[in-house]
Amino acid sequence: MDADSAPLTGVQQGMLVSGLGYPAQGFEFEQLQWEIQGPLQVDCLARAWELVYQRHDALNLEVHWRGRELPEQRVSHTQPRLALEVVEDTDLQQRAHTLKGFLTRDRRLAPAADQPPLSRLTLLRFAEDDHVLVWSFLHLILDGRSIAQVLDEVAQAYLALCRQQTPELPPASSFLRHARQRYTQTTVDPDFWRDYLQGFQQPNPLPTDPSATADREQRGYCASLQLPEDLSGQLQQAAANLGISLNNLLQGAWAQVLANQTSDDDLVFGNIRSCRHGIQATACGMFMNLLPLRVQLRPGATPRQILEQVREAQQQMRTRELTPLQEISGLLDINTE
């Protein structure tokens, strides 16, 4: 395996399988959009994206799995270019309809992982001072922190180019080098995982919607809630008073919601780890991992005890956070029917 290739991480493999299973639905395909009001130097914007793409190998990947025992990701030399699409609609209602239609078409045409580029950039121009930038990509190339880093670098580069200056961006590190190291150096602790999940027999049923379709290809639901600033502050303060993270607090709350909905007192659900210990802060790629988090609601347990259980589990996983979920699943005898 050369310097321009690496095995897929466990999470990347899961995303690849999900995308291949339902290609028409655009699963594991991300779409980010920005409203840009005011003067825009399109040439500078295109050049800024080009510079950032040249810096990070994770933005220039292609994936190969056909006829291979292990899926592989490689650097592609096919970069996306900023496509300008001029839209004549000026009416606000029609504008929203046009944007929604574009996003639907864009998702329907999500690229296959072995057909680079795995991302697209489209600038919709509704007027000289009214644009929407859409950045869409296969999720397996970037995690959430990396997305924020890319956008920050694009903004820095754009502002510098508008001032006719050379962008000065922080050093970039190779994601593929990290992926190779993860593959060769990660060890599975089977005794820990067997003990951690001992006695857990089958997945907890999620709350169901009576009107939901049984067809997996048609299912999918996203809910979002923006908390008031004062409530967010109260939650952060409550977590600090308990000596836990805000993430621990929300995981404990989710365990209680699942328990109330399912009547189960032994709960296991997904736990995303950033897996960035020792990784350069400006690194971009799919570093995160997904692990099972178990919460057992014993009779008489107080909320503090439940939250302490969550915190202790997270601490135990610190040295095992790179374990592929597929490896953990293979150790267990769980009925998934």
C-alpha atoms as a PDB file:
ATOM      1  CA  MET A   1       0.000   0.000   0.000  1.00  0.00           C
ATOM      2  CA  ASP A   2       1.591   3.284  -1.139  1.00  0.00           C
ATOM      3  CA  ALA A   3       1.505   6.809   0.303  1.00  0.00           C
ATOM      4  CA  ASP A   4      -1.541   7.711  -1.794  1.00  0.00           C
ATOM      5  CA  SER A   5      -3.783   4.949  -0.448  1.00  0.00           C
ATOM      6  CA  ALA A   6      -5.117   3.439   2.787  1.00  0.00           C
ATOM      7  CA  PRO A   7      -7.787   0.985   3.970  1.00  0.00           C
ATOM      8  CA  LEU A   8     -11.176   2.442   4.829  1.00  0.00           C
ATOM      9  CA  THR A   9     -11.772   2.959   8.537  1.00  0.00           C
ATOM     10  CA  GLY A  10     -14.619   1.048  10.174  1.00  0.00           C
ATOM     11  CA  VAL A  11     -16.995   4.008  10.000  1.00  0.00           C
ATOM     12  CA  GLN A  12     -16.114   4.613   6.355  1.00  0.00           C
ATOM     13  CA  GLN A  13     -16.879   0.982   5.558  1.00  0.00           C
ATOM     14  CA  GLY A  14     -20.271   1.285   7.249  1.00  0.00           C
ATOM     15  CA  MET A  15     -21.087   4.438   5.282  1.00  0.00           C
ATOM     16  CA  LEU A  16     -19.996   2.779   2.038  1.00  0.00           C
ATOM     17  CA  VAL A  17     -22.288  -0.200   2.676  1.00  0.00           C
ATOM     18  CA  SER A  18     -25.198   2.090   3.559  1.00  0.00           C
ATOM     19  CA  GLY A  19     -24.727   4.117   0.395  1.00  0.00           C
ATOM     20  CA  LEU A  20     -24.440   1.046  -1.810  1.00  0.00           C
ATOM     21  CA  GLY A  21     -27.524  -0.518  -0.263  1.00  0.00           C
ATOM     22  CA  TYR A  22     -29.825   2.338  -1.275  1.00  0.00           C
ATOM     23  CA  PRO A  23     -28.103   4.345  -4.026  1.00  0.00           C
ATOM     24  CA  ALA A  24     -31.262   6.054  -5.246  1.00  0.00           C
ATOM     25  CA  GLN A  25     -31.888   7.621  -1.833  1.00  0.00           C
ATOM     26  CA  GLY A  26     -28.557   9.425  -1.499  1.00  0.00           C
ATOM     27  CA  PHE A  27     -27.840   7.936   1.931  1.00  0.00           C
ATOM     28  CA  GLU A  28     -24.619   9.182   3.577  1.00  0.00           C
ATOM     29  CA  PHE A  29     -24.635  12.173   1.213  1.00  0.00           C
ATOM     30  CA  GLU A  30     -24.227  15.585   2.834  1.00  0.00           C
ATOM     31  CA  GLN A  31     -25.505  18.901   1.498  1.00  0.00           C
ATOM     32  CA  LEU A  32     -24.467  22.222   3.030  1.00  0.00           C
ATOM     33  CA  GLN A  33     -25.797  25.532   1.798  1.00  0.00           C
ATOM     34  CA  TRP A  34     -25.066  29.191   2.480  1.00  0.00           C
ATOM     35  CA  GLU A  35     -27.042  32.276   1.653  1.00  0.00           C
ATOM     36  CA  ILE A  36     -24.647  34.945   0.368  1.00  0.00           C
ATOM     37  CA  GLN A  37     -26.136  38.417   0.263  1.00  0.00           C
ATOM     38  CA  GLY A  38     -24.112  41.294  -1.139  1.00  0.00           C
ATOM     39  CA  PRO A  39     -21.170  41.627  -3.536  1.00  0.00           C
ATOM     40  CA  LEU A  40     -19.395  38.363  -4.344  1.00  0.00           C
ATOM     41  CA  GLN A  41     -16.131  37.863  -6.211  1.00  0.00           C
ATOM     42  CA  VAL A  42     -16.849  34.522  -7.847  1.00  0.00           C
ATOM     43  CA  ASP A  43     -13.329  34.042  -9.235  1.00  0.00           C
ATOM     44  CA  CYS A  44     -11.828  34.512  -5.757  1.00  0.00           C
ATOM     45  CA  LEU A  45     -14.352  32.105  -4.261  1.00  0.00           C
ATOM     46  CA  ALA A  46     -13.552  29.432  -6.843  1.00  0.00           C
ATOM     47  CA  ARG A  47      -9.813  29.898  -6.311  1.00  0.00           C
ATOM     48  CA  ALA A  48     -10.219  29.698  -2.518  1.00  0.00           C
ATOM     49  CA  TRP A  49     -11.979  26.316  -2.769  1.00  0.00           C
ATOM     50  CA  GLU A  50      -9.324  25.113  -5.220  1.00  0.00           C
ATOM     51  CA  LEU A  51      -6.520  26.003  -2.804  1.00  0.00           C
ATOM     52  CA  VAL A  52      -8.186  24.232   0.102  1.00  0.00           C
ATOM     53  CA  TYR A  53      -8.884  21.114  -1.965  1.00  0.00           C
ATOM     54  CA  GLN A  54      -5.221  20.987  -2.936  1.00  0.00           C
ATOM     55  CA  ARG A  55      -4.199  20.991   0.733  1.00  0.00           C
ATOM     56  CA  HIS A  56      -6.172  17.996   2.012  1.00  0.00           C
ATOM     57  CA  ASP A  57      -5.974  14.483   0.595  1.00  0.00           C
ATOM     58  CA  ALA A  58      -9.318  13.646   2.262  1.00  0.00           C
ATOM     59  CA  LEU A  59     -11.063  16.017  -0.162  1.00  0.00           C
ATOM     60  CA  ASN A  60      -9.662  14.179  -3.174  1.00  0.00           C
ATOM     61  CA  LEU A  61     -10.486  10.554  -2.536  1.00  0.00           C
ATOM     62  CA  GLU A  62     -11.908   7.704  -4.543  1.00  0.00           C
ATOM     63  CA  VAL A  63     -12.841   4.320  -3.097  1.00  0.00           C
ATOM     64  CA  HIS A  64     -12.296   0.879  -4.602  1.00  0.00           C
ATOM     65  CA  TRP A  65     -13.901  -2.296  -3.287  1.00  0.00           C
ATOM     66  CA  ARG A  66     -14.901  -4.448  -6.231  1.00  0.00           C
ATOM     67  CA  GLY A  67     -12.887  -7.660  -6.264  1.00  0.00           C
ATOM     68  CA  ARG A  68     -10.976  -6.636  -3.128  1.00  0.00           C
ATOM     69  CA  GLU A  69     -10.890  -8.269   0.262  1.00  0.00           C
ATOM     70  CA  LEU A  70     -10.433  -4.884   1.919  1.00  0.00           C
ATOM     71  CA  PRO A  71     -11.965  -1.637   0.583  1.00  0.00           C
ATOM     72  CA  GLU A  72      -9.297   0.937  -0.232  1.00  0.00           C
ATOM     73  CA  GLN A  73      -9.311   4.711  -0.556  1.00  0.00           C
ATOM     74  CA  ARG A  74      -6.905   6.451  -2.882  1.00  0.00           C
ATOM     75  CA  VAL A  75      -6.036  10.010  -3.888  1.00  0.00           C
ATOM     76  CA  SER A  76      -7.869  10.998  -7.052  1.00  0.00           C
ATOM     77  CA  HIS A  77      -6.607  13.625  -9.434  1.00  0.00           C
ATOM     78  CA  THR A  78     -10.138  14.689 -10.349  1.00  0.00           C
ATOM     79  CA  GLN A  79     -11.070  17.843  -8.458  1.00  0.00           C
ATOM     80  CA  PRO A  80     -14.528  19.409  -8.503  1.00  0.00           C
ATOM     81  CA  ARG A  81     -14.883  22.866  -9.991  1.00  0.00           C
ATOM     82  CA  LEU A  82     -17.262  25.552  -8.817  1.00  0.00           C
ATOM     83  CA  ALA A  83     -20.244  25.420 -11.158  1.00  0.00           C
ATOM     84  CA  LEU A  84     -22.218  28.645 -11.593  1.00  0.00           C
ATOM     85  CA  GLU A  85     -25.930  28.157 -12.250  1.00  0.00           C
ATOM     86  CA  VAL A  86     -27.829  31.329 -13.075  1.00  0.00           C
ATOM     87  CA  VAL A  87     -31.459  31.258 -11.938  1.00  0.00           C
ATOM     88  CA  GLU A  88     -33.961  33.785 -13.219  1.00  0.00           C
ATOM     89  CA  ASP A  89     -36.416  33.408 -10.331  1.00  0.00           C
ATOM     90  CA  THR A  90     -36.693  36.528  -8.191  1.00  0.00           C
ATOM     91  CA  ASP A  91     -39.941  35.826  -6.355  1.00  0.00           C
ATOM     92  CA  LEU A  92     -39.140  34.583  -2.837  1.00  0.00           C
ATOM     93  CA  GLN A  93     -41.620  31.716  -2.971  1.00  0.00           C
ATOM     94  CA  GLN A  94     -40.375  30.574  -6.363  1.00  0.00           C
ATOM     95  CA  ARG A  95     -36.794  30.973  -5.149  1.00  0.00           C
ATOM     96  CA  ALA A  96     -37.389  28.540  -2.285  1.00  0.00           C
ATOM     97  CA  HIS A  97     -39.066  26.100  -4.682  1.00  0.00           C
ATOM     98  CA  THR A  98     -36.119  26.310  -7.090  1.00  0.00           C
ATOM     99  CA  LEU A  99     -33.585  25.696  -4.320  1.00  0.00           C
ATOM    100  CA  LYS A 100     -35.531  22.714  -2.991  1.00  0.00           C
ATOM    101  CA  GLY A 101     -35.733  21.257  -6.476  1.00  0.00           C
ATOM    102  CA  PHE A 102     -32.008  21.671  -6.992  1.00  0.00           C
ATOM    103  CA  LEU A 103     -31.186  19.931  -3.703  1.00  0.00           C
ATOM    104  CA  THR A 104     -33.489  17.033  -4.611  1.00  0.00           C
ATOM    105  CA  ARG A 105     -31.788  16.586  -8.003  1.00  0.00           C
ATOM    106  CA  ASP A 106     -28.365  16.972  -6.441  1.00  0.00           C
ATOM    107  CA  ARG A 107     -29.071  14.197  -3.918  1.00  0.00           C
ATOM    108  CA  ARG A 108     -30.516  11.931  -6.602  1.00  0.00           C
ATOM    109  CA  LEU A 109     -27.255  12.315  -8.509  1.00  0.00           C
ATOM    110  CA  ALA A 110     -25.011  11.574  -5.542  1.00  0.00           C
ATOM    111  CA  PRO A 111     -21.704  10.232  -6.862  1.00  0.00           C
ATOM    112  CA  ALA A 112     -20.685   6.616  -6.456  1.00  0.00           C
ATOM    113  CA  ALA A 113     -17.683   6.216  -4.172  1.00  0.00           C
ATOM    114  CA  ASP A 114     -15.544   4.855  -7.028  1.00  0.00           C
ATOM    115  CA  GLN A 115     -16.454   7.666  -9.432  1.00  0.00           C
ATOM    116  CA  PRO A 116     -14.606  10.831  -8.355  1.00  0.00           C
ATOM    117  CA  PRO A 117     -14.956  13.592  -7.565  1.00  0.00           C
ATOM    118  CA  LEU A 118     -16.905  12.619  -4.444  1.00  0.00           C
ATOM    119  CA  SER A 119     -18.046  16.199  -3.857  1.00  0.00           C
ATOM    120  CA  ARG A 120     -19.673  19.020  -5.812  1.00  0.00           C
ATOM    121  CA  LEU A 121     -19.709  22.806  -5.555  1.00  0.00           C
ATOM    122  CA  THR A 122     -22.573  24.748  -7.088  1.00  0.00           C
ATOM    123  CA  LEU A 123     -23.229  28.468  -6.867  1.00  0.00           C
ATOM    124  CA  LEU A 124     -26.832  29.424  -7.582  1.00  0.00           C
ATOM    125  CA  ARG A 125     -27.126  33.050  -8.690  1.00  0.00           C
ATOM    126  CA  PHE A 126     -30.568  34.553  -8.184  1.00  0.00           C
ATOM    127  CA  ALA A 127     -29.325  38.132  -8.654  1.00  0.00           C
ATOM    128  CA  GLU A 128     -26.029  40.013  -8.778  1.00  0.00           C
ATOM    129  CA  ASP A 129     -26.021  40.301  -4.998  1.00  0.00           C
ATOM    130  CA  ASP A 130     -28.008  37.174  -4.124  1.00  0.00           C
ATOM    131  CA  HIS A 131     -26.340  33.749  -4.211  1.00  0.00           C
ATOM    132  CA  VAL A 132     -26.660  30.332  -2.580  1.00  0.00           C
ATOM    133  CA  LEU A 133     -23.558  28.153  -2.394  1.00  0.00           C
ATOM    134  CA  VAL A 134     -24.208  24.403  -2.165  1.00  0.00           C
ATOM    135  CA  TRP A 135     -21.394  22.063  -1.152  1.00  0.00           C
ATOM    136  CA  SER A 136     -22.385  18.397  -1.355  1.00  0.00           C
ATOM    137  CA  PHE A 137     -20.212  15.340  -0.712  1.00  0.00           C
ATOM    138  CA  LEU A 138     -20.152  11.728   0.399  1.00  0.00           C
ATOM    139  CA  HIS A 139     -20.045  11.744   4.185  1.00  0.00           C
ATOM    140  CA  LEU A 140     -17.299   9.099   4.290  1.00  0.00           C
ATOM    141  CA  ILE A 141     -14.643  11.683   3.335  1.00  0.00           C
ATOM    142  CA  LEU A 142     -15.232  14.148   6.206  1.00  0.00           C
ATOM    143  CA  ASP A 143     -16.451  14.257   9.799  1.00  0.00           C
ATOM    144  CA  GLY A 144     -18.110  17.255  11.433  1.00  0.00           C
ATOM    145  CA  ARG A 145     -14.959  18.914  12.780  1.00  0.00           C
ATOM    146  CA  SER A 146     -13.289  18.575   9.406  1.00  0.00           C
ATOM    147  CA  ILE A 147     -16.219  20.259   7.681  1.00  0.00           C
ATOM    148  CA  ALA A 148     -15.852  23.260   9.993  1.00  0.00           C
ATOM    149  CA  GLN A 149     -12.096  23.370   9.338  1.00  0.00           C
ATOM    150  CA  VAL A 150     -12.571  23.326   5.558  1.00  0.00           C
ATOM    151  CA  LEU A 151     -15.089  26.168   5.714  1.00  0.00           C
ATOM    152  CA  ASP A 152     -12.799  28.224   7.931  1.00  0.00           C
ATOM    153  CA  GLU A 153      -9.913  27.787   5.502  1.00  0.00           C
ATOM    154  CA  VAL A 154     -12.073  28.683   2.500  1.00  0.00           C
ATOM    155  CA  ALA A 155     -13.209  31.872   4.250  1.00  0.00           C
ATOM    156  CA  GLN A 156      -9.618  32.819   5.117  1.00  0.00           C
ATOM    157  CA  ALA A 157      -8.415  32.155   1.580  1.00  0.00           C
ATOM    158  CA  TYR A 158     -11.321  34.039  -0.005  1.00  0.00           C
ATOM    159  CA  LEU A 159     -10.773  37.162   2.088  1.00  0.00           C
ATOM    160  CA  ALA A 160      -7.043  37.148   1.337  1.00  0.00           C
ATOM    161  CA  LEU A 161      -7.609  36.729  -2.409  1.00  0.00           C
ATOM    162  CA  CYS A 162     -10.168  39.542  -2.423  1.00  0.00           C
ATOM    163  CA  ARG A 163      -7.429  41.760  -0.942  1.00  0.00           C
ATOM    164  CA  GLN A 164      -5.047  40.481  -3.636  1.00  0.00           C
ATOM    165  CA  GLN A 165      -2.945  38.765  -0.980  1.00  0.00           C
ATOM    166  CA  THR A 166      -1.506  35.256  -0.825  1.00  0.00           C
ATOM    167  CA  PRO A 167      -3.570  33.146   1.617  1.00  0.00           C
ATOM    168  CA  GLU A 168      -1.602  32.038   4.679  1.00  0.00           C
ATOM    169  CA  LEU A 169      -3.162  28.833   5.927  1.00  0.00           C
ATOM    170  CA  PRO A 170      -1.977  26.503   8.716  1.00  0.00           C
ATOM    171  CA  PRO A 171      -0.012  23.340   7.818  1.00  0.00           C
ATOM    172  CA  ALA A 172      -2.180  20.468   6.621  1.00  0.00           C
ATOM    173  CA  SER A 173      -1.601  16.829   7.562  1.00  0.00           C
ATOM    174  CA  SER A 174      -2.427  13.670   5.610  1.00  0.00           C
ATOM    175  CA  PHE A 175      -5.590  11.777   6.498  1.00  0.00           C
ATOM    176  CA  LEU A 176      -4.449   8.741   4.517  1.00  0.00           C
ATOM    177  CA  ARG A 177      -1.313   8.470   6.643  1.00  0.00           C
ATOM    178  CA  HIS A 178      -3.487   8.449   9.752  1.00  0.00           C
ATOM    179  CA  ALA A 179      -5.835   5.833   8.237  1.00  0.00           C
ATOM    180  CA  ARG A 180      -2.880   3.552   7.467  1.00  0.00           C
ATOM    181  CA  GLN A 181      -1.583   3.919  11.022  1.00  0.00           C
ATOM    182  CA  ARG A 182      -5.024   3.218  12.460  1.00  0.00           C
ATOM    183  CA  TYR A 183      -5.308   0.049  10.394  1.00  0.00           C
ATOM    184  CA  THR A 184      -1.890  -1.315  11.368  1.00  0.00           C
ATOM    185  CA  GLN A 185      -1.805  -0.181  15.007  1.00  0.00           C
ATOM    186  CA  THR A 186      -5.377  -0.607  16.286  1.00  0.00           C
ATOM    187  CA  THR A 187      -5.845  -3.657  18.466  1.00  0.00           C
ATOM    188  CA  VAL A 188      -9.148  -5.146  19.602  1.00  0.00           C
ATOM    189  CA  ASP A 189      -9.634  -5.902  23.300  1.00  0.00           C
ATOM    190  CA  PRO A 190     -12.156  -8.764  22.988  1.00  0.00           C
ATOM    191  CA  ASP A 191     -12.306  -9.475  26.724  1.00  0.00           C
ATOM    192  CA  PHE A 192     -13.281  -5.882  27.478  1.00  0.00           C
ATOM    193  CA  TRP A 193     -16.068  -5.763  24.904  1.00  0.00           C
ATOM    194  CA  ARG A 194     -17.460  -9.185  25.813  1.00  0.00           C
ATOM    195  CA  ASP A 195     -17.546  -8.202  29.473  1.00  0.00           C
ATOM    196  CA  TYR A 196     -18.941  -4.730  28.727  1.00  0.00           C
ATOM    197  CA  LEU A 197     -21.863  -6.126  26.708  1.00  0.00           C
ATOM    198  CA  GLN A 198     -22.345  -9.403  28.585  1.00  0.00           C
ATOM    199  CA  GLY A 199     -26.017 -10.252  29.041  1.00  0.00           C
ATOM    200  CA  PHE A 200     -27.295  -7.850  26.398  1.00  0.00           C
ATOM    201  CA  GLN A 201     -29.480  -9.989  24.143  1.00  0.00           C
ATOM    202  CA  GLN A 202     -31.084  -7.840  21.465  1.00  0.00           C
ATOM    203  CA  PRO A 203     -31.277  -4.220  20.295  1.00  0.00           C
ATOM    204  CA  ASN A 204     -33.699  -1.925  22.066  1.00  0.00           C
ATOM    205  CA  PRO A 205     -36.740  -1.153  19.887  1.00  0.00           C
ATOM    206  CA  LEU A 206     -36.901   2.483  18.886  1.00  0.00           C
ATOM    207  CA  PRO A 207     -40.143   4.431  19.286  1.00  0.00           C
ATOM    208  CA  THR A 208     -42.235   3.886  16.163  1.00  0.00           C
ATOM    209  CA  ASP A 209     -44.503   6.056  14.117  1.00  0.00           C
ATOM    210  CA  PRO A 210     -47.705   4.140  13.183  1.00  0.00           C
ATOM    211  CA  SER A 211     -47.726   5.933   9.827  1.00  0.00           C
ATOM    212  CA  ALA A 212     -44.102   5.063   9.038  1.00  0.00           C
ATOM    213  CA  THR A 213     -43.476   2.968   5.947  1.00  0.00           C
ATOM    214  CA  ALA A 214     -41.990  -0.510   6.287  1.00  0.00           C
ATOM    215  CA  ASP A 215     -39.787   0.116   3.249  1.00  0.00           C
ATOM    216  CA  ARG A 216     -36.298   0.983   4.532  1.00  0.00           C
ATOM    217  CA  GLU A 217     -35.530   2.910   1.346  1.00  0.00           C
ATOM    218  CA  GLN A 218     -38.371   5.303   2.098  1.00  0.00           C
ATOM    219  CA  ARG A 219     -37.623   5.762   5.788  1.00  0.00           C
ATOM    220  CA  GLY A 220     -35.624   8.600   7.188  1.00  0.00           C
ATOM    221  CA  TYR A 221     -36.315  11.318   9.681  1.00  0.00           C
ATOM    222  CA  CYS A 222     -34.316  14.242  10.953  1.00  0.00           C
ATOM    223  CA  ALA A 223     -35.353  16.369  13.908  1.00  0.00           C
ATOM    224  CA  SER A 224     -33.618  19.497  15.116  1.00  0.00           C
ATOM    225  CA  LEU A 225     -34.182  21.779  18.066  1.00  0.00           C
ATOM    226  CA  GLN A 226     -32.470  25.070  18.753  1.00  0.00           C
ATOM    227  CA  LEU A 227     -32.287  25.777  22.466  1.00  0.00           C
ATOM    228  CA  PRO A 228     -32.499  29.302  23.864  1.00  0.00           C
ATOM    229  CA  GLU A 229     -29.151  30.677  24.957  1.00  0.00           C
ATOM    230  CA  ASP A 230     -30.127  30.810  28.619  1.00  0.00           C
ATOM    231  CA  LEU A 231     -31.246  27.147  28.631  1.00  0.00           C
ATOM    232  CA  SER A 232     -28.018  26.077  26.918  1.00  0.00           C
ATOM    233  CA  GLY A 233     -26.097  27.904  29.610  1.00  0.00           C
ATOM    234  CA  GLN A 234     -28.082  26.176  32.348  1.00  0.00           C
ATOM    235  CA  LEU A 235     -27.337  22.756  30.835  1.00  0.00           C
ATOM    236  CA  GLN A 236     -23.625  23.519  30.589  1.00  0.00           C
ATOM    237  CA  GLN A 237     -23.585  24.702  34.184  1.00  0.00           C
ATOM    238  CA  ALA A 238     -25.471  21.614  35.360  1.00  0.00           C
ATOM    239  CA  ALA A 239     -22.950  19.365  33.599  1.00  0.00           C
ATOM    240  CA  ALA A 240     -20.059  21.294  35.150  1.00  0.00           C
ATOM    241  CA  ASN A 241     -21.595  21.011  38.642  1.00  0.00           C
ATOM    242  CA  LEU A 242     -21.843  17.231  38.191  1.00  0.00           C
ATOM    243  CA  GLY A 243     -18.281  16.959  36.922  1.00  0.00           C
ATOM    244  CA  ILE A 244     -19.351  15.576  33.543  1.00  0.00           C
ATOM    245  CA  SER A 245     -19.393  16.815  29.966  1.00  0.00           C
ATOM    246  CA  LEU A 246     -22.476  18.196  28.246  1.00  0.00           C
ATOM    247  CA  ASN A 247     -22.278  15.159  25.959  1.00  0.00           C
ATOM    248  CA  ASN A 248     -22.512  12.845  28.999  1.00  0.00           C
ATOM    249  CA  LEU A 249     -25.559  14.776  30.229  1.00  0.00           C
ATOM    250  CA  LEU A 250     -27.367  14.419  26.900  1.00  0.00           C
ATOM    251  CA  GLN A 251     -26.505  10.726  26.642  1.00  0.00           C
ATOM    252  CA  GLY A 252     -27.935  10.125  30.102  1.00  0.00           C
ATOM    253  CA  ALA A 253     -31.085  11.981  29.118  1.00  0.00           C
ATOM    254  CA  TRP A 254     -31.396   9.951  25.901  1.00  0.00           C
ATOM    255  CA  ALA A 255     -31.064   6.729  27.903  1.00  0.00           C
ATOM    256  CA  GLN A 256     -33.963   7.844  30.076  1.00  0.00           C
ATOM    257  CA  VAL A 257     -36.079   8.698  27.015  1.00  0.00           C
ATOM    258  CA  LEU A 258     -35.409   5.257  25.513  1.00  0.00           C
ATOM    259  CA  ALA A 259     -36.253   3.588  28.811  1.00  0.00           C
ATOM    260  CA  ASN A 260     -39.554   5.460  29.047  1.00  0.00           C
ATOM    261  CA  GLN A 261     -40.476   4.596  25.450  1.00  0.00           C
ATOM    262  CA  THR A 262     -39.388   0.945  25.426  1.00  0.00           C
ATOM    263  CA  SER A 263     -39.769  -0.138  29.083  1.00  0.00           C
ATOM    264  CA  ASP A 264     -36.226  -1.564  28.834  1.00  0.00           C
ATOM    265  CA  ASP A 265     -33.767  -0.976  31.653  1.00  0.00           C
ATOM    266  CA  ASP A 266     -30.713  -2.264  29.789  1.00  0.00           C
ATOM    267  CA  LEU A 267     -29.956   0.122  26.940  1.00  0.00           C
ATOM    268  CA  VAL A 268     -27.301   0.216  24.224  1.00  0.00           C
ATOM    269  CA  PHE A 269     -27.091   2.983  21.640  1.00  0.00           C
ATOM    270  CA  GLY A 270     -24.554   4.596  19.341  1.00  0.00           C
ATOM    271  CA  ASN A 271     -21.803   6.723  20.785  1.00  0.00           C
ATOM    272  CA  ILE A 272     -19.749   8.885  18.414  1.00  0.00           C
ATOM    273  CA  ARG A 273     -16.111   9.435  19.386  1.00  0.00           C
ATOM    274  CA  SER A 274     -14.094  12.185  17.691  1.00  0.00           C
ATOM    275  CA  CYS A 275     -10.879  10.082  17.897  1.00  0.00           C
ATOM    276  CA  ARG A 276      -8.610  13.102  17.544  1.00  0.00           C
ATOM    277  CA  HIS A 277      -6.200  12.521  20.414  1.00  0.00           C
ATOM    278  CA  GLY A 278      -2.752  13.344  19.105  1.00  0.00           C
ATOM    279  CA  ILE A 279      -4.187  14.530  15.780  1.00  0.00           C
ATOM    280  CA  GLN A 280      -3.336  17.967  14.418  1.00  0.00           C
ATOM    281  CA  ALA A 281      -6.237  20.337  15.069  1.00  0.00           C
ATOM    282  CA  THR A 282      -6.377  21.446  11.435  1.00  0.00           C
ATOM    283  CA  ALA A 283      -6.432  17.875  10.058  1.00  0.00           C
ATOM    284  CA  CYS A 284      -9.360  16.982   7.801  1.00  0.00           C
ATOM    285  CA  GLY A 285     -10.860  13.558   7.122  1.00  0.00           C
ATOM    286  CA  MET A 286     -13.146  10.912   8.623  1.00  0.00           C
ATOM    287  CA  PHE A 287     -11.496  10.505  12.030  1.00  0.00           C
ATOM    288  CA  MET A 288     -14.593   9.765  14.098  1.00  0.00           C
ATOM    289  CA  ASN A 289     -15.676   6.311  15.207  1.00  0.00           C
ATOM    290  CA  LEU A 290     -18.949   4.792  16.372  1.00  0.00           C
ATOM    291  CA  LEU A 291     -19.020   2.614  19.497  1.00  0.00           C
ATOM    292  CA  PRO A 292     -21.811   1.083  21.599  1.00  0.00           C
ATOM    293  CA  LEU A 293     -22.654   2.877  24.854  1.00  0.00           C
ATOM    294  CA  ARG A 294     -24.454   0.798  27.473  1.00  0.00           C
ATOM    295  CA  VAL A 295     -26.587   2.278  30.231  1.00  0.00           C
ATOM    296  CA  GLN A 296     -28.192   0.003  32.824  1.00  0.00           C
ATOM    297  CA  LEU A 297     -30.977   1.636  34.805  1.00  0.00           C
ATOM    298  CA  ARG A 298     -30.892  -0.236  38.085  1.00  0.00           C
ATOM    299  CA  PRO A 299     -33.842   0.101  40.510  1.00  0.00           C
ATOM    300  CA  GLY A 300     -33.457   3.110  42.749  1.00  0.00           C
ATOM    301  CA  ALA A 301     -30.598   4.621  40.731  1.00  0.00           C
ATOM    302  CA  THR A 302     -30.469   8.402  40.970  1.00  0.00           C
ATOM    303  CA  PRO A 303     -29.907  10.645  37.936  1.00  0.00           C
ATOM    304  CA  ARG A 304     -26.419  11.430  39.281  1.00  0.00           C
ATOM    305  CA  GLN A 305     -25.569   7.710  39.438  1.00  0.00           C
ATOM    306  CA  ILE A 306     -26.789   7.187  35.872  1.00  0.00           C
ATOM    307  CA  LEU A 307     -24.691  10.083  34.624  1.00  0.00           C
ATOM    308  CA  GLU A 308     -21.643   8.818  36.514  1.00  0.00           C
ATOM    309  CA  GLN A 309     -22.142   5.442  34.814  1.00  0.00           C
ATOM    310  CA  VAL A 310     -22.106   7.191  31.424  1.00  0.00           C
ATOM    311  CA  ARG A 311     -18.954   9.117  32.310  1.00  0.00           C
ATOM    312  CA  GLU A 312     -17.134   6.003  33.519  1.00  0.00           C
ATOM    313  CA  ALA A 313     -18.045   4.125  30.345  1.00  0.00           C
ATOM    314  CA  GLN A 314     -16.701   6.965  28.231  1.00  0.00           C
ATOM    315  CA  GLN A 315     -13.462   6.976  30.198  1.00  0.00           C
ATOM    316  CA  GLN A 316     -13.075   3.222  29.722  1.00  0.00           C
ATOM    317  CA  MET A 317     -13.448   3.629  25.979  1.00  0.00           C
ATOM    318  CA  ARG A 318     -10.758   6.277  25.761  1.00  0.00           C
ATOM    319  CA  THR A 319      -8.001   3.739  25.067  1.00  0.00           C
ATOM    320  CA  ARG A 320     -10.272   1.573  22.910  1.00  0.00           C
ATOM    321  CA  GLU A 321     -12.022   4.237  20.852  1.00  0.00           C
ATOM    322  CA  LEU A 322     -10.469   3.184  17.539  1.00  0.00           C
ATOM    323  CA  THR A 323     -12.006  -0.304  17.661  1.00  0.00           C
ATOM    324  CA  PRO A 324     -14.088  -0.874  14.500  1.00  0.00           C
ATOM    325  CA  LEU A 325     -17.742  -1.480  15.320  1.00  0.00           C
ATOM    326  CA  GLN A 326     -17.710  -4.463  12.960  1.00  0.00           C
ATOM    327  CA  GLU A 327     -15.067  -6.119  15.151  1.00  0.00           C
ATOM    328  CA  ILE A 328     -17.162  -5.598  18.280  1.00  0.00           C
ATOM    329  CA  SER A 329     -20.294  -6.972  16.599  1.00  0.00           C
ATOM    330  CA  GLY A 330     -18.388 -10.065  15.550  1.00  0.00           C
ATOM    331  CA  LEU A 331     -17.573 -10.870  19.188  1.00  0.00           C
ATOM    332  CA  LEU A 332     -21.173 -10.917  20.344  1.00  0.00           C
ATOM    333  CA  ASP A 333     -24.157 -13.204  20.060  1.00  0.00           C
ATOM    334  CA  ILE A 334     -26.967 -10.696  19.704  1.00  0.00           C
ATOM    335  CA  ASN A 335     -30.287 -11.282  17.988  1.00  0.00           C
ATOM    336  CA  THR A 336     -30.746  -8.463  15.486  1.00  0.00           C
ATOM    337  CA  GLU A 337     -33.973  -9.755  13.909  1.00  0.00           C
END
